[in-house]
Amino acid sequence: DVCSSDLNYQPSIHLSALEMPVLALYGDKDTQVRALDNAHLMQTLLRNPVSRVEVLSGMNHLFQQAVTGLPSEYFTLSTVFETAMSDAMISWLG
């Protein structure tokens, strides 16, 4: 059940107010949170200079290597944590 406050939520207000560093990762095959629509916007909202936005090639919403990126594909793919995802996290933390 979606309440009206959910429909009116403006994440950009909260994201632009963050002072802490943020790592935002997107999969370029994500069909739920499209990198094409969101990565550049996220980069413009994050103020901390240590923040980073990365788009990971070939990954879906669950950061699995994907063919189509569709949710129906999730259970047919490997559930192994992809090294590109962990490498991006380790690099940012390092």
PDB file of N, CA and C in Angstrom:
ATOM      1  N   ASP A   1       0.842  -1.174   0.000  1.00  0.00           N
ATOM      2  CA  ASP A   1       0.000   0.000   0.000  1.00  0.00           C
ATOM      3  C   ASP A   1       0.900   1.254   0.000  1.00  0.00           C
ATOM      4  N   VAL A   2       0.716   2.083  -0.954  1.00  0.00           N
ATOM      5  CA  VAL A   2       1.515   3.306  -1.072  1.00  0.00           C
ATOM      6  C   VAL A   2       0.727   4.461  -0.479  1.00  0.00           C
ATOM      7  N   CYS A   3       1.351   5.154   0.466  1.00  0.00           N
ATOM      8  CA  CYS A   3       0.670   6.317   1.037  1.00  0.00           C
ATOM      9  C   CYS A   3       1.111   7.572   0.287  1.00  0.00           C
ATOM     10  N   SER A   4       0.374   8.634   0.421  1.00  0.00           N
ATOM     11  CA  SER A   4       0.653   9.853  -0.327  1.00  0.00           C
ATOM     12  C   SER A   4       2.016  10.444   0.012  1.00  0.00           C
ATOM     13  N   SER A   5       2.505  10.243   1.244  1.00  0.00           N
ATOM     14  CA  SER A   5       3.828  10.777   1.589  1.00  0.00           C
ATOM     15  C   SER A   5       4.922  10.085   0.785  1.00  0.00           C
ATOM     16  N   ASP A   6       4.730   8.791   0.453  1.00  0.00           N
ATOM     17  CA  ASP A   6       5.698   8.080  -0.382  1.00  0.00           C
ATOM     18  C   ASP A   6       5.740   8.682  -1.783  1.00  0.00           C
ATOM     19  N   LEU A   7       4.608   9.047  -2.306  1.00  0.00           N
ATOM     20  CA  LEU A   7       4.529   9.609  -3.651  1.00  0.00           C
ATOM     21  C   LEU A   7       5.125  11.007  -3.723  1.00  0.00           C
ATOM     22  N   ASN A   8       5.140  11.714  -2.615  1.00  0.00           N
ATOM     23  CA  ASN A   8       5.648  13.081  -2.580  1.00  0.00           C
ATOM     24  C   ASN A   8       7.091  13.181  -2.098  1.00  0.00           C
ATOM     25  N   TYR A   9       7.702  12.065  -1.784  1.00  0.00           N
ATOM     26  CA  TYR A   9       9.069  12.061  -1.271  1.00  0.00           C
ATOM     27  C   TYR A   9      10.039  12.612  -2.317  1.00  0.00           C
ATOM     28  N   GLN A  10      10.884  13.530  -1.906  1.00  0.00           N
ATOM     29  CA  GLN A  10      11.874  14.147  -2.783  1.00  0.00           C
ATOM     30  C   GLN A  10      13.275  13.794  -2.280  1.00  0.00           C
ATOM     31  N   PRO A  11      13.871  12.691  -2.737  1.00  0.00           N
ATOM     32  CA  PRO A  11      15.188  12.296  -2.232  1.00  0.00           C
ATOM     33  C   PRO A  11      16.268  13.335  -2.515  1.00  0.00           C
ATOM     34  N   SER A  12      16.108  14.134  -3.544  1.00  0.00           N
ATOM     35  CA  SER A  12      17.132  15.128  -3.873  1.00  0.00           C
ATOM     36  C   SER A  12      17.351  16.121  -2.739  1.00  0.00           C
ATOM     37  N   ILE A  13      16.322  16.426  -1.987  1.00  0.00           N
ATOM     38  CA  ILE A  13      16.446  17.350  -0.851  1.00  0.00           C
ATOM     39  C   ILE A  13      17.395  16.759   0.195  1.00  0.00           C
ATOM     40  N   HIS A  14      17.222  15.485   0.496  1.00  0.00           N
ATOM     41  CA  HIS A  14      18.027  14.830   1.519  1.00  0.00           C
ATOM     42  C   HIS A  14      19.435  14.510   1.013  1.00  0.00           C
ATOM     43  N   LEU A  15      19.543  14.109  -0.223  1.00  0.00           N
ATOM     44  CA  LEU A  15      20.863  13.790  -0.774  1.00  0.00           C
ATOM     45  C   LEU A  15      21.749  15.028  -0.844  1.00  0.00           C
ATOM     46  N   SER A  16      21.201  16.139  -1.249  1.00  0.00           N
ATOM     47  CA  SER A  16      22.008  17.356  -1.360  1.00  0.00           C
ATOM     48  C   SER A  16      22.374  17.921   0.012  1.00  0.00           C
ATOM     49  N   ALA A  17      21.688  17.502   1.056  1.00  0.00           N
ATOM     50  CA  ALA A  17      21.996  17.967   2.413  1.00  0.00           C
ATOM     51  C   ALA A  17      23.057  17.106   3.101  1.00  0.00           C
ATOM     52  N   LEU A  18      23.389  15.960   2.519  1.00  0.00           N
ATOM     53  CA  LEU A  18      24.383  15.078   3.133  1.00  0.00           C
ATOM     54  C   LEU A  18      25.755  15.732   3.119  1.00  0.00           C
ATOM     55  N   GLU A  19      26.437  15.670   4.253  1.00  0.00           N
ATOM     56  CA  GLU A  19      27.800  16.187   4.335  1.00  0.00           C
ATOM     57  C   GLU A  19      28.822  15.056   4.322  1.00  0.00           C
ATOM     58  N   MET A  20      28.391  13.835   4.588  1.00  0.00           N
ATOM     59  CA  MET A  20      29.286  12.685   4.631  1.00  0.00           C
ATOM     60  C   MET A  20      29.589  12.193   3.222  1.00  0.00           C
ATOM     61  N   PRO A  21      30.732  11.520   3.053  1.00  0.00           N
ATOM     62  CA  PRO A  21      31.036  10.939   1.749  1.00  0.00           C
ATOM     63  C   PRO A  21      30.089   9.784   1.434  1.00  0.00           C
ATOM     64  N   VAL A  22      29.744   9.657   0.172  1.00  0.00           N
ATOM     65  CA  VAL A  22      28.812   8.624  -0.280  1.00  0.00           C
ATOM     66  C   VAL A  22      29.413   7.915  -1.486  1.00  0.00           C
ATOM     67  N   LEU A  23      29.282   6.601  -1.517  1.00  0.00           N
ATOM     68  CA  LEU A  23      29.603   5.815  -2.701  1.00  0.00           C
ATOM     69  C   LEU A  23      28.273   5.344  -3.268  1.00  0.00           C
ATOM     70  N   ALA A  24      27.954   5.770  -4.479  1.00  0.00           N
ATOM     71  CA  ALA A  24      26.711   5.352  -5.144  1.00  0.00           C
ATOM     72  C   ALA A  24      27.090   4.474  -6.330  1.00  0.00           C
ATOM     73  N   LEU A  25      26.609   3.244  -6.328  1.00  0.00           N
ATOM     74  CA  LEU A  25      26.903   2.298  -7.393  1.00  0.00           C
ATOM     75  C   LEU A  25      25.632   1.971  -8.160  1.00  0.00           C
ATOM     76  N   TYR A  26      25.770   1.902  -9.464  1.00  0.00           N
ATOM     77  CA  TYR A  26      24.665   1.546 -10.348  1.00  0.00           C
ATOM     78  C   TYR A  26      25.144   0.460 -11.291  1.00  0.00           C
ATOM     79  N   GLY A  27      24.245  -0.426 -11.667  1.00  0.00           N
ATOM     80  CA  GLY A  27      24.534  -1.404 -12.708  1.00  0.00           C
ATOM     81  C   GLY A  27      23.992  -0.876 -14.026  1.00  0.00           C
ATOM     82  N   ASP A  28      24.774  -0.967 -15.086  1.00  0.00           N
ATOM     83  CA  ASP A  28      24.308  -0.404 -16.353  1.00  0.00           C
ATOM     84  C   ASP A  28      23.187  -1.216 -16.997  1.00  0.00           C
ATOM     85  N   LYS A  29      22.908  -2.418 -16.468  1.00  0.00           N
ATOM     86  CA  LYS A  29      21.785  -3.210 -16.964  1.00  0.00           C
ATOM     87  C   LYS A  29      20.626  -3.246 -15.968  1.00  0.00           C
ATOM     88  N   ASP A  30      20.661  -2.383 -14.985  1.00  0.00           N
ATOM     89  CA  ASP A  30      19.592  -2.299 -13.989  1.00  0.00           C
ATOM     90  C   ASP A  30      18.357  -1.700 -14.650  1.00  0.00           C
ATOM     91  N   THR A  31      17.269  -2.455 -14.645  1.00  0.00           N
ATOM     92  CA  THR A  31      16.027  -1.962 -15.247  1.00  0.00           C
ATOM     93  C   THR A  31      15.100  -1.339 -14.199  1.00  0.00           C
ATOM     94  N   GLN A  32      15.477  -1.396 -12.923  1.00  0.00           N
ATOM     95  CA  GLN A  32      14.652  -0.833 -11.862  1.00  0.00           C
ATOM     96  C   GLN A  32      15.119   0.565 -11.455  1.00  0.00           C
ATOM     97  N   VAL A  33      16.421   0.750 -11.323  1.00  0.00           N
ATOM     98  CA  VAL A  33      17.010   2.062 -11.021  1.00  0.00           C
ATOM     99  C   VAL A  33      18.029   2.301 -12.130  1.00  0.00           C
ATOM    100  N   ARG A  34      17.566   2.910 -13.178  1.00  0.00           N
ATOM    101  CA  ARG A  34      18.392   3.042 -14.382  1.00  0.00           C
ATOM    102  C   ARG A  34      19.570   3.992 -14.170  1.00  0.00           C
ATOM    103  N   ALA A  35      20.760   3.483 -14.439  1.00  0.00           N
ATOM    104  CA  ALA A  35      21.978   4.284 -14.305  1.00  0.00           C
ATOM    105  C   ALA A  35      21.917   5.499 -15.214  1.00  0.00           C
ATOM    106  N   LEU A  36      21.402   5.323 -16.416  1.00  0.00           N
ATOM    107  CA  LEU A  36      21.313   6.409 -17.382  1.00  0.00           C
ATOM    108  C   LEU A  36      20.516   7.584 -16.821  1.00  0.00           C
ATOM    109  N   ASP A  37      19.474   7.291 -16.067  1.00  0.00           N
ATOM    110  CA  ASP A  37      18.608   8.338 -15.514  1.00  0.00           C
ATOM    111  C   ASP A  37      19.106   8.888 -14.184  1.00  0.00           C
ATOM    112  N   ASN A  38      19.896   8.117 -13.453  1.00  0.00           N
ATOM    113  CA  ASN A  38      20.190   8.472 -12.062  1.00  0.00           C
ATOM    114  C   ASN A  38      21.636   8.816 -11.722  1.00  0.00           C
ATOM    115  N   ALA A  39      22.604   8.248 -12.386  1.00  0.00           N
ATOM    116  CA  ALA A  39      24.009   8.427 -11.987  1.00  0.00           C
ATOM    117  C   ALA A  39      24.458   9.885 -12.088  1.00  0.00           C
ATOM    118  N   HIS A  40      24.157  10.536 -13.189  1.00  0.00           N
ATOM    119  CA  HIS A  40      24.580  11.939 -13.342  1.00  0.00           C
ATOM    120  C   HIS A  40      23.873  12.829 -12.316  1.00  0.00           C
ATOM    121  N   LEU A  41      22.585  12.596 -12.125  1.00  0.00           N
ATOM    122  CA  LEU A  41      21.833  13.374 -11.135  1.00  0.00           C
ATOM    123  C   LEU A  41      22.414  13.179  -9.745  1.00  0.00           C
ATOM    124  N   MET A  42      22.727  11.948  -9.391  1.00  0.00           N
ATOM    125  CA  MET A  42      23.323  11.673  -8.084  1.00  0.00           C
ATOM    126  C   MET A  42      24.634  12.441  -7.930  1.00  0.00           C
ATOM    127  N   GLN A  43      25.466  12.433  -8.953  1.00  0.00           N
ATOM    128  CA  GLN A  43      26.750  13.127  -8.899  1.00  0.00           C
ATOM    129  C   GLN A  43      26.549  14.622  -8.649  1.00  0.00           C
ATOM    130  N   THR A  44      25.537  15.211  -9.234  1.00  0.00           N
ATOM    131  CA  THR A  44      25.300  16.648  -9.042  1.00  0.00           C
ATOM    132  C   THR A  44      24.763  16.954  -7.646  1.00  0.00           C
ATOM    133  N   LEU A  45      24.128  15.981  -7.000  1.00  0.00           N
ATOM    134  CA  LEU A  45      23.530  16.214  -5.678  1.00  0.00           C
ATOM    135  C   LEU A  45      24.520  16.035  -4.526  1.00  0.00           C
ATOM    136  N   LEU A  46      25.504  15.169  -4.697  1.00  0.00           N
ATOM    137  CA  LEU A  46      26.427  14.868  -3.605  1.00  0.00           C
ATOM    138  C   LEU A  46      27.476  15.963  -3.481  1.00  0.00           C
ATOM    139  N   ARG A  47      27.581  16.559  -2.304  1.00  0.00           N
ATOM    140  CA  ARG A  47      28.461  17.711  -2.085  1.00  0.00           C
ATOM    141  C   ARG A  47      29.847  17.346  -1.579  1.00  0.00           C
ATOM    142  N   ASN A  48      29.982  16.269  -0.865  1.00  0.00           N
ATOM    143  CA  ASN A  48      31.275  15.913  -0.302  1.00  0.00           C
ATOM    144  C   ASN A  48      32.230  15.526  -1.431  1.00  0.00           C
ATOM    145  N   PRO A  49      33.425  16.125  -1.484  1.00  0.00           N
ATOM    146  CA  PRO A  49      34.352  15.843  -2.579  1.00  0.00           C
ATOM    147  C   PRO A  49      34.865  14.404  -2.620  1.00  0.00           C
ATOM    148  N   VAL A  50      34.724  13.670  -1.535  1.00  0.00           N
ATOM    149  CA  VAL A  50      35.154  12.272  -1.509  1.00  0.00           C
ATOM    150  C   VAL A  50      34.075  11.356  -2.087  1.00  0.00           C
ATOM    151  N   SER A  51      32.861  11.855  -2.243  1.00  0.00           N
ATOM    152  CA  SER A  51      31.772  11.055  -2.800  1.00  0.00           C
ATOM    153  C   SER A  51      32.107  10.620  -4.221  1.00  0.00           C
ATOM    154  N   ARG A  52      31.619   9.453  -4.562  1.00  0.00           N
ATOM    155  CA  ARG A  52      31.876   8.924  -5.904  1.00  0.00           C
ATOM    156  C   ARG A  52      30.631   8.212  -6.409  1.00  0.00           C
ATOM    157  N   VAL A  53      30.374   8.348  -7.703  1.00  0.00           N
ATOM    158  CA  VAL A  53      29.291   7.647  -8.375  1.00  0.00           C
ATOM    159  C   VAL A  53      29.924   6.807  -9.478  1.00  0.00           C
ATOM    160  N   GLU A  54      29.619   5.512  -9.479  1.00  0.00           N
ATOM    161  CA  GLU A  54      30.164   4.611 -10.493  1.00  0.00           C
ATOM    162  C   GLU A  54      29.055   3.786 -11.115  1.00  0.00           C
ATOM    163  N   VAL A  55      29.184   3.559 -12.405  1.00  0.00           N
ATOM    164  CA  VAL A  55      28.277   2.674 -13.135  1.00  0.00           C
ATOM    165  C   VAL A  55      29.080   1.426 -13.492  1.00  0.00           C
ATOM    166  N   LEU A  56      28.604   0.278 -13.015  1.00  0.00           N
ATOM    167  CA  LEU A  56      29.314  -0.988 -13.207  1.00  0.00           C
ATOM    168  C   LEU A  56      28.765  -1.712 -14.433  1.00  0.00           C
ATOM    169  N   SER A  57      29.650  -2.000 -15.331  1.00  0.00           N
ATOM    170  CA  SER A  57      29.300  -2.586 -16.624  1.00  0.00           C
ATOM    171  C   SER A  57      28.742  -3.998 -16.490  1.00  0.00           C
ATOM    172  N   GLY A  58      27.637  -4.252 -17.187  1.00  0.00           N
ATOM    173  CA  GLY A  58      27.055  -5.588 -17.264  1.00  0.00           C
ATOM    174  C   GLY A  58      26.260  -6.032 -16.069  1.00  0.00           C
ATOM    175  N   MET A  59      26.075  -5.152 -15.068  1.00  0.00           N
ATOM    176  CA  MET A  59      25.404  -5.574 -13.836  1.00  0.00           C
ATOM    177  C   MET A  59      23.960  -5.103 -13.761  1.00  0.00           C
ATOM    178  N   ASN A  60      23.150  -5.949 -13.127  1.00  0.00           N
ATOM    179  CA  ASN A  60      21.734  -5.643 -12.935  1.00  0.00           C
ATOM    180  C   ASN A  60      21.501  -4.983 -11.572  1.00  0.00           C
ATOM    181  N   HIS A  61      20.254  -4.927 -11.151  1.00  0.00           N
ATOM    182  CA  HIS A  61      19.866  -4.285  -9.892  1.00  0.00           C
ATOM    183  C   HIS A  61      20.487  -4.966  -8.668  1.00  0.00           C
ATOM    184  N   LEU A  62      20.752  -6.256  -8.779  1.00  0.00           N
ATOM    185  CA  LEU A  62      21.347  -7.017  -7.666  1.00  0.00           C
ATOM    186  C   LEU A  62      22.861  -7.125  -7.809  1.00  0.00           C
ATOM    187  N   PHE A  63      23.429  -6.366  -8.732  1.00  0.00           N
ATOM    188  CA  PHE A  63      24.863  -6.374  -9.022  1.00  0.00           C
ATOM    189  C   PHE A  63      25.355  -7.768  -9.404  1.00  0.00           C
ATOM    190  N   GLN A  64      24.539  -8.438 -10.209  1.00  0.00           N
ATOM    191  CA  GLN A  64      24.920  -9.705 -10.828  1.00  0.00           C
ATOM    192  C   GLN A  64      25.312  -9.397 -12.270  1.00  0.00           C
ATOM    193  N   GLN A  65      26.264 -10.143 -12.827  1.00  0.00           N
ATOM    194  CA  GLN A  65      26.517 -10.040 -14.261  1.00  0.00           C
ATOM    195  C   GLN A  65      25.265 -10.539 -14.966  1.00  0.00           C
ATOM    196  N   ALA A  66      24.700  -9.722 -15.837  1.00  0.00           N
ATOM    197  CA  ALA A  66      23.399 -10.021 -16.422  1.00  0.00           C
ATOM    198  C   ALA A  66      23.438  -9.978 -17.942  1.00  0.00           C
ATOM    199  N   VAL A  67      22.445 -10.615 -18.524  1.00  0.00           N
ATOM    200  CA  VAL A  67      22.269 -10.580 -19.972  1.00  0.00           C
ATOM    201  C   VAL A  67      21.278  -9.476 -20.326  1.00  0.00           C
ATOM    202  N   THR A  68      20.093  -9.516 -19.693  1.00  0.00           N
ATOM    203  CA  THR A  68      19.051  -8.537 -20.007  1.00  0.00           C
ATOM    204  C   THR A  68      18.867  -7.498 -18.911  1.00  0.00           C
ATOM    205  N   GLY A  69      19.133  -7.874 -17.672  1.00  0.00           N
ATOM    206  CA  GLY A  69      18.889  -6.994 -16.540  1.00  0.00           C
ATOM    207  C   GLY A  69      17.467  -7.079 -15.999  1.00  0.00           C
ATOM    208  N   LEU A  70      16.618  -7.838 -16.637  1.00  0.00           N
ATOM    209  CA  LEU A  70      15.226  -7.958 -16.198  1.00  0.00           C
ATOM    210  C   LEU A  70      15.128  -8.772 -14.910  1.00  0.00           C
ATOM    211  N   PRO A  71      14.183  -8.425 -14.019  1.00  0.00           N
ATOM    212  CA  PRO A  71      14.011  -9.172 -12.772  1.00  0.00           C
ATOM    213  C   PRO A  71      13.758 -10.668 -12.990  1.00  0.00           C
ATOM    214  N   SER A  72      13.136 -11.036 -14.080  1.00  0.00           N
ATOM    215  CA  SER A  72      12.864 -12.455 -14.344  1.00  0.00           C
ATOM    216  C   SER A  72      14.157 -13.254 -14.530  1.00  0.00           C
ATOM    217  N   GLU A  73      15.246 -12.575 -14.763  1.00  0.00           N
ATOM    218  CA  GLU A  73      16.541 -13.220 -14.964  1.00  0.00           C
ATOM    219  C   GLU A  73      17.296 -13.469 -13.655  1.00  0.00           C
ATOM    220  N   TYR A  74      16.897 -12.794 -12.575  1.00  0.00           N
ATOM    221  CA  TYR A  74      17.653 -12.828 -11.316  1.00  0.00           C
ATOM    222  C   TYR A  74      17.985 -14.230 -10.836  1.00  0.00           C
ATOM    223  N   PHE A  75      17.027 -15.117 -10.858  1.00  0.00           N
ATOM    224  CA  PHE A  75      17.220 -16.450 -10.277  1.00  0.00           C
ATOM    225  C   PHE A  75      17.942 -17.407 -11.214  1.00  0.00           C
ATOM    226  N   THR A  76      18.248 -16.955 -12.426  1.00  0.00           N
ATOM    227  CA  THR A  76      18.980 -17.811 -13.367  1.00  0.00           C
ATOM    228  C   THR A  76      20.467 -17.472 -13.381  1.00  0.00           C
ATOM    229  N   LEU A  77      20.853 -16.441 -12.645  1.00  0.00           N
ATOM    230  CA  LEU A  77      22.233 -15.961 -12.655  1.00  0.00           C
ATOM    231  C   LEU A  77      22.978 -16.382 -11.400  1.00  0.00           C
ATOM    232  N   SER A  78      24.283 -16.316 -11.462  1.00  0.00           N
ATOM    233  CA  SER A  78      25.120 -16.634 -10.320  1.00  0.00           C
ATOM    234  C   SER A  78      24.824 -15.667  -9.175  1.00  0.00           C
ATOM    235  N   THR A  79      24.831 -16.194  -7.962  1.00  0.00           N
ATOM    236  CA  THR A  79      24.611 -15.345  -6.789  1.00  0.00           C
ATOM    237  C   THR A  79      25.927 -14.945  -6.133  1.00  0.00           C
ATOM    238  N   VAL A  80      27.017 -15.225  -6.801  1.00  0.00           N
ATOM    239  CA  VAL A  80      28.336 -14.871  -6.277  1.00  0.00           C
ATOM    240  C   VAL A  80      28.492 -13.357  -6.295  1.00  0.00           C
ATOM    241  N   PHE A  81      29.064 -12.829  -5.210  1.00  0.00           N
ATOM    242  CA  PHE A  81      29.327 -11.397  -5.119  1.00  0.00           C
ATOM    243  C   PHE A  81      30.354 -11.032  -6.181  1.00  0.00           C
ATOM    244  N   GLU A  82      29.990 -10.168  -7.106  1.00  0.00           N
ATOM    245  CA  GLU A  82      30.864  -9.823  -8.228  1.00  0.00           C
ATOM    246  C   GLU A  82      32.093  -9.038  -7.772  1.00  0.00           C
ATOM    247  N   THR A  83      33.237  -9.364  -8.311  1.00  0.00           N
ATOM    248  CA  THR A  83      34.473  -8.694  -7.907  1.00  0.00           C
ATOM    249  C   THR A  83      34.483  -7.221  -8.307  1.00  0.00           C
ATOM    250  N   ALA A  84      33.825  -6.858  -9.398  1.00  0.00           N
ATOM    251  CA  ALA A  84      33.787  -5.448  -9.795  1.00  0.00           C
ATOM    252  C   ALA A  84      33.104  -4.607  -8.721  1.00  0.00           C
ATOM    253  N   MET A  85      32.089  -5.164  -8.103  1.00  0.00           N
ATOM    254  CA  MET A  85      31.381  -4.466  -7.025  1.00  0.00           C
ATOM    255  C   MET A  85      32.285  -4.329  -5.798  1.00  0.00           C
ATOM    256  N   SER A  86      32.889  -5.421  -5.371  1.00  0.00           N
ATOM    257  CA  SER A  86      33.755  -5.350  -4.190  1.00  0.00           C
ATOM    258  C   SER A  86      35.003  -4.515  -4.469  1.00  0.00           C
ATOM    259  N   ASP A  87      35.534  -4.582  -5.680  1.00  0.00           N
ATOM    260  CA  ASP A  87      36.694  -3.756  -6.035  1.00  0.00           C
ATOM    261  C   ASP A  87      36.354  -2.272  -5.942  1.00  0.00           C
ATOM    262  N   ALA A  88      35.174  -1.885  -6.411  1.00  0.00           N
ATOM    263  CA  ALA A  88      34.754  -0.474  -6.340  1.00  0.00           C
ATOM    264  C   ALA A  88      34.623  -0.027  -4.889  1.00  0.00           C
ATOM    265  N   MET A  89      34.068  -0.885  -4.051  1.00  0.00           N
ATOM    266  CA  MET A  89      33.906  -0.550  -2.638  1.00  0.00           C
ATOM    267  C   MET A  89      35.251  -0.440  -1.935  1.00  0.00           C
ATOM    268  N   ILE A  90      36.139  -1.393  -2.169  1.00  0.00           N
ATOM    269  CA  ILE A  90      37.454  -1.395  -1.532  1.00  0.00           C
ATOM    270  C   ILE A  90      38.269  -0.181  -1.981  1.00  0.00           C
ATOM    271  N   SER A  91      38.218   0.122  -3.256  1.00  0.00           N
ATOM    272  CA  SER A  91      38.952   1.271  -3.785  1.00  0.00           C
ATOM    273  C   SER A  91      38.478   2.570  -3.127  1.00  0.00           C
ATOM    274  N   TRP A  92      37.162   2.709  -2.993  1.00  0.00           N
ATOM    275  CA  TRP A  92      36.608   3.921  -2.403  1.00  0.00           C
ATOM    276  C   TRP A  92      36.962   4.021  -0.922  1.00  0.00           C
ATOM    277  N   LEU A  93      36.941   2.910  -0.224  1.00  0.00           N
ATOM    278  CA  LEU A  93      37.263   2.907   1.207  1.00  0.00           C
ATOM    279  C   LEU A  93      38.750   3.096   1.468  1.00  0.00           C
ATOM    280  N   GLY A  94      39.579   2.678   0.488  1.00  0.00           N
ATOM    281  CA  GLY A  94      41.025   2.706   0.662  1.00  0.00           C
ATOM    282  C   GLY A  94      41.558   4.080   0.684  1.00  0.00           C
TER     283      GLY A  94
END
